[in-house]
C-alpha cells in the first residue's frame, strides 16, 4: 500500500495511462499520427516536469529541515558552552575570594587581580567584584603614620602593615580601573560601598560612579575625585581626611553630582578644592569642618545647599557660580584672620569669640 502512496508510483501510472492514450489516438483513424504523437509527448513532458518540480520542492524541504536541525544543534552547543563558561567563572570567583584570606600578601594581590580579570572578561561580574574589593577595604586597618602628631620616622611602618598597605593600594587601583570613564555615554554607573573604610591615595578622578558610600571613612593622604561623575547618591557623612605620606588633601575639581551629595559632619584636615563642581541635587555640608583652605569658586548648585554650622578655618573662597535657591547659613563661621571671599549678597558679622559669621543679605 505504501508503494501506491509514492508520487513516483503515481507518476509512473500516469505515464502508462498517457502511453495508452497515445496508442489509442494512433489507432484512431480520425486522428493524424503527428497529432497523436504531439499530444502524447506534451502530456508526458508535463508529467515529467511536474515530477521534477516535486523533487526540487522535496529537496528544499529536506534541506530546510536539515538546516533547522543544524541550527538547533548549534544553539544547544552554544548554551552548553555558555554554561561551561559560567561554571568556570563561578569557580574562579569562589577561588579568588577564598584566597583573599591567605596569609601571604602576594597571594592576596594575585587574588585581587584574578577578580579584576574576571570582571573584564565577564562584565556581568563587575558590580560583584567591586563589592568584594570594597569589602576588602572595609576591613580594619591601621598604620603608625595615621596617628595624630605624625612622626617622620613612622612613615614606614612594620613590615606586616606595609605589605597589607600595598595590597590595599592594589585594591584601590583596580577599583578605579574597573570603573568606566566619566564621559562614556551609556556606560553603567557602578555603586561603591566604602563605609568605614581606611584608604590612602583614593583616586577616582575621571570615573563614572553610581552611588558611593564613604560614611565614617578615613581618607588618608590625598583624595582625588576631580572630573568624576556620580549618577547616584553620595554620602561622606562623618568621614575625615588625615595624614599619610602626605597631608589629607581633598580634590574634587570639575566633578558632577547628579543626585544627593551629603557631606554632613565631614572633617577636612587640609586643602579642599571643589572648583567648578556641579551639585545637581540636594547638597549639605551641615556641621562640616574645614581646617585648611576651602575653594568653592565656580561651583554650580542646581538644588539646595545647607551650610548650617559649617566651620571654615583657613583661606575660604565661596564665590559660587550660581545658586538655585538661597543657602542655609545658620551659624556658618570663618576665621577673622583668614582671607574670605564671598558672593556680593553675603556679608560677615563679627562674633564675641573673634570668629566671623556669614550672613546672606535679604533681597
Protein backbone atom coordinates (compact mmCIF):
# COMPACT_ATOMS: atom_id res chain seq x y z
CA UNK A 1 0.00 0.00 0.00
CA UNK A 2 2.88 2.36 0.73
CA UNK A 3 4.16 1.92 -2.85
CA UNK A 4 0.97 3.47 -4.25
CA UNK A 5 1.29 6.41 -1.89
CA UNK A 6 4.57 7.39 -3.52
CA UNK A 7 4.40 10.30 -6.03
CA UNK A 8 6.84 8.32 -8.19
CA UNK A 9 4.36 5.45 -8.47
CA UNK A 10 1.54 7.78 -9.41
CA UNK A 11 3.75 9.48 -11.98
CA UNK A 12 4.62 6.06 -13.48
CA UNK A 13 0.92 5.14 -13.59
CA UNK A 14 0.07 8.43 -15.26
CA UNK A 15 2.84 7.81 -17.79
CA UNK A 16 1.37 4.36 -18.64
CA UNK A 17 -2.04 5.95 -18.98
CA UNK A 18 -0.67 8.55 -21.37
CA UNK A 19 1.08 5.84 -23.38
CA UNK A 20 -2.21 4.04 -23.63
CA UNK A 21 -4.00 7.22 -24.70
CA UNK A 22 -1.28 7.89 -27.23
CA UNK A 23 -1.67 4.35 -28.60
CA UNK A 24 -5.44 4.80 -28.79
CA UNK A 25 -5.01 8.07 -30.69
CA UNK A 26 -2.61 6.40 -33.11
CA UNK A 27 -5.18 3.71 -33.72
CA UNK A 28 -7.96 6.23 -34.23
CA UNK A 29 -8.40 6.87 -37.97
CA UNK A 30 -9.81 10.34 -37.27
CA UNK A 31 -6.54 11.48 -35.63
CA UNK A 32 -3.40 12.05 -37.62
CA UNK A 33 -0.23 10.31 -36.49
CA UNK A 34 1.65 13.55 -35.87
CA UNK A 35 -1.10 14.99 -33.69
CA UNK A 36 -1.28 11.83 -31.66
CA UNK A 37 2.48 11.80 -31.08
CA UNK A 38 2.48 15.51 -30.25
CA UNK A 39 -0.35 15.12 -27.74
CA UNK A 40 1.30 12.16 -26.06
CA UNK A 41 4.66 13.93 -25.94
CA UNK A 42 3.20 17.08 -24.41
CA UNK A 43 1.33 15.08 -21.79
CA UNK A 44 4.40 13.04 -20.94
CA UNK A 45 6.59 16.12 -20.77
CA UNK A 46 4.11 17.81 -18.43
CA UNK A 47 4.14 14.80 -16.13
CA UNK A 48 7.94 14.72 -16.09
CA UNK A 49 8.11 18.47 -15.41
CA UNK A 50 5.64 18.20 -12.57
CA UNK A 51 7.63 15.35 -11.07
CA UNK A 52 10.85 17.37 -11.36
CA UNK A 53 9.18 20.29 -9.60
CA UNK A 54 8.02 17.99 -6.84
CA UNK A 55 11.54 16.59 -6.43
CA UNK A 56 13.00 20.09 -6.15
CA UNK A 57 10.41 21.06 -3.58
CA UNK A 58 11.14 17.92 -1.60
CA UNK A 59 14.87 18.62 -1.69
CA UNK A 60 14.21 22.16 -0.50
CA UNK A 61 12.11 20.97 2.45
CA UNK A 62 14.70 18.35 3.36
CA UNK A 63 17.43 20.99 3.24
CA UNK A 64 15.38 23.37 5.38
CA UNK A 65 14.80 20.66 7.96
CA UNK A 66 18.49 19.83 7.93
CA UNK A 67 19.41 23.49 8.44
CA UNK A 68 16.87 23.80 11.23
CA UNK A 69 18.29 20.74 12.95
CA UNK A 70 21.81 22.13 12.48
CA UNK A 71 20.75 25.50 13.91
CA UNK A 72 19.18 23.86 16.95
CA UNK A 73 22.27 21.75 17.47
CA UNK A 74 24.44 24.87 17.26
CA UNK A 75 22.20 26.66 19.78
CA UNK A 76 22.42 23.73 22.16
CA UNK A 77 26.22 23.68 21.82
CA UNK A 78 26.35 27.44 22.42
CA UNK A 79 24.17 27.09 25.51
CA UNK A 80 26.32 24.27 26.76
CA UNK A 81 29.49 26.27 26.15
CA UNK A 82 28.00 29.31 27.91
CA UNK A 83 27.04 27.18 30.88
CA UNK A 84 30.58 25.81 30.98
CA UNK A 85 31.99 29.36 30.90
CA UNK A 86 29.64 30.42 33.69
CA UNK A 87 30.65 27.42 35.76
CA UNK A 88 34.35 28.18 35.24
CA UNK A 89 33.77 31.85 36.07
CA UNK A 90 31.92 30.92 39.26
CA UNK A 91 34.77 28.62 40.24
CA UNK A 92 37.35 31.34 39.52
CA UNK A 93 35.36 33.83 41.57
CA UNK A 94 34.97 31.48 44.53
CA UNK A 95 38.65 30.53 44.48
CA UNK A 96 39.81 34.15 44.28
CA UNK A 97 37.57 35.20 47.17
CA UNK A 98 38.91 32.30 49.21
CA UNK A 99 42.50 33.40 48.53
CA UNK A 100 41.80 36.91 49.83
CA UNK A 101 42.09 35.42 53.30
CA UNK A 102 45.54 33.95 52.63
CA UNK A 103 48.38 34.91 54.95
CA UNK A 104 50.80 35.78 52.13
CA UNK A 105 50.33 39.30 50.75
CA UNK A 106 51.43 38.27 47.24
CA UNK A 107 48.67 35.67 47.16
CA UNK A 108 46.10 38.27 48.16
CA UNK A 109 47.37 40.59 45.42
CA UNK A 110 47.07 37.75 42.92
CA UNK A 111 43.52 37.09 44.08
CA UNK A 112 42.61 40.76 43.55
CA UNK A 113 44.00 40.67 40.02
CA UNK A 114 42.12 37.44 39.34
CA UNK A 115 38.87 39.08 40.37
CA UNK A 116 39.59 42.12 38.20
CA UNK A 117 40.40 39.86 35.25
CA UNK A 118 37.12 38.04 35.76
CA UNK A 119 35.23 41.34 35.70
CA UNK A 120 36.93 42.36 32.46
CA UNK A 121 36.12 39.09 30.71
CA UNK A 122 32.63 38.78 32.20
CA UNK A 123 31.14 42.28 32.56
CA UNK A 124 28.14 40.92 34.46
CA UNK A 125 30.56 40.21 37.35
CA UNK A 126 31.82 43.81 37.56
CA UNK A 127 29.46 45.05 40.28
CA UNK A 128 30.03 41.89 42.33
CA UNK A 129 33.80 42.19 42.00
CA UNK A 130 33.66 45.87 43.01
CA UNK A 131 31.61 44.87 46.05
CA UNK A 132 34.29 42.37 47.05
CA UNK A 133 37.13 44.88 46.54
CA UNK A 134 35.25 47.44 48.62
CA UNK A 135 34.58 44.89 51.34
CA UNK A 136 38.33 44.17 51.50
CA UNK A 137 39.00 47.88 52.04
CA UNK A 138 36.39 47.94 54.81
CA UNK A 139 38.49 45.51 56.83
CA UNK A 140 40.06 47.12 59.91
CA UNK A 141 43.49 48.60 59.21
CA UNK A 142 45.80 50.98 60.99
CA UNK A 143 49.26 52.40 60.42
CA UNK A 144 51.56 54.39 62.72
CA UNK A 145 51.58 57.39 60.39
CA UNK A 146 47.79 57.74 60.64
CA UNK A 147 48.03 58.76 64.27
CA UNK A 148 47.91 62.44 65.38
CA UNK A 149 51.28 64.16 65.65
CA UNK A 150 52.86 62.40 62.67
CA UNK A 151 56.42 61.27 63.32
CA UNK A 152 58.60 61.29 60.20
CA UNK A 153 60.18 58.04 61.39
CA UNK A 154 56.72 56.44 61.27
CA UNK A 155 56.26 56.98 57.51
CA UNK A 156 57.46 53.41 57.08
CA UNK A 157 55.58 51.08 59.38
CA UNK A 158 56.19 47.50 60.46
CA UNK A 159 56.75 45.06 57.54
CA UNK A 160 53.41 43.33 58.01
CA UNK A 161 51.47 46.61 57.89
CA UNK A 162 53.48 47.84 54.88
CA UNK A 163 52.68 44.64 52.97
CA UNK A 164 49.00 44.94 53.84
CA UNK A 165 49.08 48.58 52.72
CA UNK A 166 50.37 47.51 49.29
CA UNK A 167 47.53 45.01 48.98
CA UNK A 168 45.01 47.72 49.83
CA UNK A 169 46.56 50.17 47.35
CA UNK A 170 46.23 47.45 44.72
CA UNK A 171 42.54 47.05 45.55
CA UNK A 172 42.02 50.82 45.22
CA UNK A 173 43.80 50.91 41.86
CA UNK A 174 41.77 48.01 40.50
CA UNK A 175 38.52 49.69 41.56
CA UNK A 176 39.48 52.75 39.52
CA UNK A 177 40.42 50.61 36.51
CA UNK A 178 37.07 48.78 36.56
CA UNK A 179 35.03 51.99 36.58
CA UNK A 180 34.07 53.43 33.17
CA UNK A 181 35.25 56.91 32.14
CA UNK A 182 33.02 59.77 33.26
CA UNK A 183 32.24 60.83 29.68
CA UNK A 184 31.42 57.39 28.27
CA UNK A 185 27.83 57.56 27.02
CA UNK A 186 25.63 54.64 28.06
CA UNK A 187 28.21 53.23 30.47
CA UNK A 188 26.75 51.76 33.67
CA UNK A 189 27.20 53.57 36.96
CA UNK A 190 28.57 51.02 39.41
CA UNK A 191 27.99 51.52 43.14
CA UNK A 192 30.79 51.69 45.70
CA UNK A 193 30.30 50.96 49.39
CA UNK A 194 33.34 52.10 51.37
CA UNK A 195 31.53 52.75 54.65
CA UNK A 196 34.10 52.94 57.43
CA UNK A 197 36.95 52.07 55.04
CA UNK A 198 40.54 53.13 55.66
CA UNK A 199 42.00 54.29 52.35
CA UNK A 200 45.08 56.19 51.25
CA UNK A 201 45.55 58.00 47.93
CA UNK A 202 41.98 57.19 46.90
CA UNK A 203 41.79 58.25 43.26
CA UNK A 204 38.50 58.08 41.34
CA UNK A 205 39.29 61.05 39.11
CA UNK A 206 37.62 60.99 35.70
CA UNK A 207 35.47 57.98 36.57
CA UNK A 208 31.75 57.37 36.32
CA UNK A 209 30.28 56.08 39.56
CA UNK A 210 26.72 55.24 40.53
CA UNK A 211 26.13 55.73 44.24
CA UNK A 212 29.02 55.97 46.69
CA UNK A 213 29.06 55.46 50.44
CA UNK A 214 32.06 56.86 52.32
CA UNK A 215 30.32 57.26 55.66
CA UNK A 216 32.81 57.45 58.54
CA UNK A 217 35.64 56.56 56.17
CA UNK A 218 39.24 57.58 56.91
CA UNK A 219 40.72 59.28 53.84
CA UNK A 220 44.48 59.50 54.29
CA UNK A 221 46.96 61.41 52.14
CA UNK A 222 45.33 62.94 49.06
CA UNK A 223 41.83 62.04 47.85
CA UNK A 224 41.07 62.86 44.22
CA UNK A 225 37.52 62.90 42.81
CA UNK A 226 38.21 65.54 40.16
CA UNK A 227 36.35 65.16 36.89
CA UNK A 228 34.22 62.31 38.20
CA UNK A 229 30.50 61.92 37.56
CA UNK A 230 28.29 60.46 40.29
CA UNK A 231 24.89 59.35 38.99
CA UNK A 232 23.60 58.07 42.33
CA UNK A 233 23.58 59.30 45.90
CA UNK A 234 26.92 60.16 47.53
CA UNK A 235 27.38 60.08 51.31
CA UNK A 236 30.54 61.23 53.12
CA UNK A 237 28.72 61.65 56.44
CA UNK A 238 31.21 61.77 59.28
CA UNK A 239 34.16 60.95 57.01
CA UNK A 240 37.54 62.52 57.67
CA UNK A 241 40.73 63.33 55.82
CA UNK A 242 44.04 62.87 57.55
CA UNK A 243 47.78 62.46 57.12
CA UNK A 244 49.53 59.57 55.47
CA UNK A 245 52.69 60.04 53.48
CA UNK A 246 51.18 63.44 52.61
CA UNK A 247 48.59 65.73 54.15
CA UNK A 248 44.91 64.90 53.82
CA UNK A 249 44.07 66.97 50.73
CA UNK A 250 40.62 66.58 49.14
CA UNK A 251 40.43 67.45 45.45
CA UNK A 252 37.09 67.47 43.66
CA UNK A 253 37.52 69.90 40.78
CA UNK A 254 35.01 69.78 37.92
CA UNK A 255 33.08 66.83 39.32
CA UNK A 256 29.35 66.32 38.75
CA UNK A 257 26.98 65.08 41.46
CA UNK A 258 23.72 64.26 39.68
CA UNK A 259 21.86 63.28 42.82
CA UNK A 260 22.13 63.90 46.56
CA UNK A 261 25.59 64.85 47.89
CA UNK A 262 25.89 64.51 51.67
CA UNK A 263 28.98 65.93 53.43
CA UNK A 264 27.37 66.49 56.83
CA UNK A 265 29.85 66.22 59.68
CA UNK A 266 32.78 65.61 57.33
CA UNK A 267 36.15 66.71 58.74
CA UNK A 268 38.60 68.12 56.20
CA UNK A 269 42.11 68.47 57.64
CA UNK A 270 43.85 70.15 54.71
CA UNK A 271 43.05 71.82 51.38
CA UNK A 272 39.57 71.19 49.94
CA UNK A 273 39.04 72.16 46.30
CA UNK A 274 35.56 71.99 44.69
CA UNK A 275 36.38 74.43 41.86
CA UNK A 276 33.74 74.34 39.06
CA UNK A 277 31.99 71.30 40.52
CA UNK A 278 28.26 70.85 39.83
CA UNK A 279 25.79 69.80 42.52
CA UNK A 280 22.53 68.93 40.73
CA UNK A 281 20.63 67.57 43.71
CA UNK A 282 20.22 68.27 47.40
CA UNK A 283 23.60 69.10 48.93
CA UNK A 284 24.64 69.56 52.53
CA UNK A 285 27.82 70.48 54.38
CA UNK A 286 25.96 70.81 57.66
CA UNK A 287 28.32 70.56 60.67
CA UNK A 288 31.30 70.02 58.34
CA UNK A 289 34.72 71.30 59.43
CA UNK A 290 37.29 72.76 57.03
CA UNK A 291 40.54 73.03 58.97
CA UNK A 292 42.54 74.11 55.90
CA UNK A 293 41.78 76.18 52.83
CA UNK A 294 38.42 75.69 51.12
CA UNK A 295 37.71 76.60 47.48
CA UNK A 296 34.18 76.67 46.07
CA UNK A 297 34.92 79.07 43.23
CA UNK A 298 32.73 78.49 40.16
CA UNK A 299 30.58 75.84 41.85
CA UNK A 300 27.10 75.37 40.37
CA UNK A 301 24.32 74.40 42.80
CA UNK A 302 21.19 73.38 40.90
CA UNK A 303 19.38 72.14 44.01
CA UNK A 304 19.55 73.26 47.62
CA UNK A 305 22.69 73.61 49.73
CA UNK A 306 22.93 73.50 53.51
CA UNK A 307 25.90 75.21 55.20
CA UNK A 308 24.40 75.32 58.68
CA UNK A 309 27.04 75.24 61.44
CA UNK A 310 29.81 74.73 58.89
CA UNK A 311 33.21 76.00 60.08
CA UNK A 312 35.94 77.26 57.76
CA UNK A 313 39.35 77.53 59.43
CA UNK A 314 41.59 78.51 56.50
CA UNK A 315 41.51 80.72 53.42
CA UNK A 316 37.95 80.46 52.10
CA UNK A 317 36.54 81.13 48.65
CA UNK A 318 32.75 80.76 48.50
CA UNK A 319 32.19 82.57 45.20
CA UNK A 320 29.66 80.12 43.74
CA UNK A 321 28.91 80.40 40.03
CA UNK A 322 25.18 80.01 40.65
CA UNK A 323 22.76 79.06 43.40
CA UNK A 324 19.29 77.81 42.54
CA UNK A 325 17.94 78.83 45.95
CA UNK A 326 19.23 80.75 48.99
CA UNK A 327 21.62 78.62 51.04
CA UNK A 328 21.10 77.69 54.67
CA UNK A 329 23.71 79.70 56.60
CA UNK A 330 22.81 79.33 60.26
CA UNK A 331 25.94 79.86 62.39
CA UNK A 332 28.27 79.36 59.41
CA UNK A 333 31.67 80.59 60.61
CA UNK A 334 35.05 81.66 59.21
CA UNK A 335 38.28 82.87 60.82
CA UNK A 336 38.72 86.61 61.08
CA UNK A 337 42.45 86.46 60.30
CA UNK A 338 41.98 84.47 57.09
CA UNK A 339 41.18 85.75 53.63
CA UNK A 340 37.49 85.12 52.92
CA UNK A 341 35.87 85.74 49.54
CA UNK A 342 32.08 85.70 49.36
CA UNK A 343 29.29 86.39 46.87
CA UNK A 344 28.20 90.03 46.74
CA UNK A 345 24.98 89.30 48.63
CA UNK A 346 26.79 87.75 51.60
CA UNK A 347 28.32 89.66 54.50
CA UNK A 348 30.37 88.86 57.59
CA UNK A 349 29.25 89.51 61.14
CA UNK A 350 31.82 89.59 63.93
CA UNK A 351 31.14 87.43 66.97
CA UNK A 352 32.36 87.77 70.55
CA UNK A 353 34.85 84.92 70.26
CA UNK A 354 36.70 86.65 67.42
CA UNK A 355 35.24 84.49 64.66
CA UNK A 356 33.03 85.77 61.85
CA UNK A 357 29.61 84.54 60.88
CA UNK A 358 28.38 84.52 57.28
CA UNK A 359 25.00 86.12 56.65
CA UNK A 360 23.10 86.38 53.37
CA UNK A 361 21.61 89.85 52.90
CA UNK A 362 17.87 89.92 52.39
CA UNK A 363 16.61 90.72 48.87
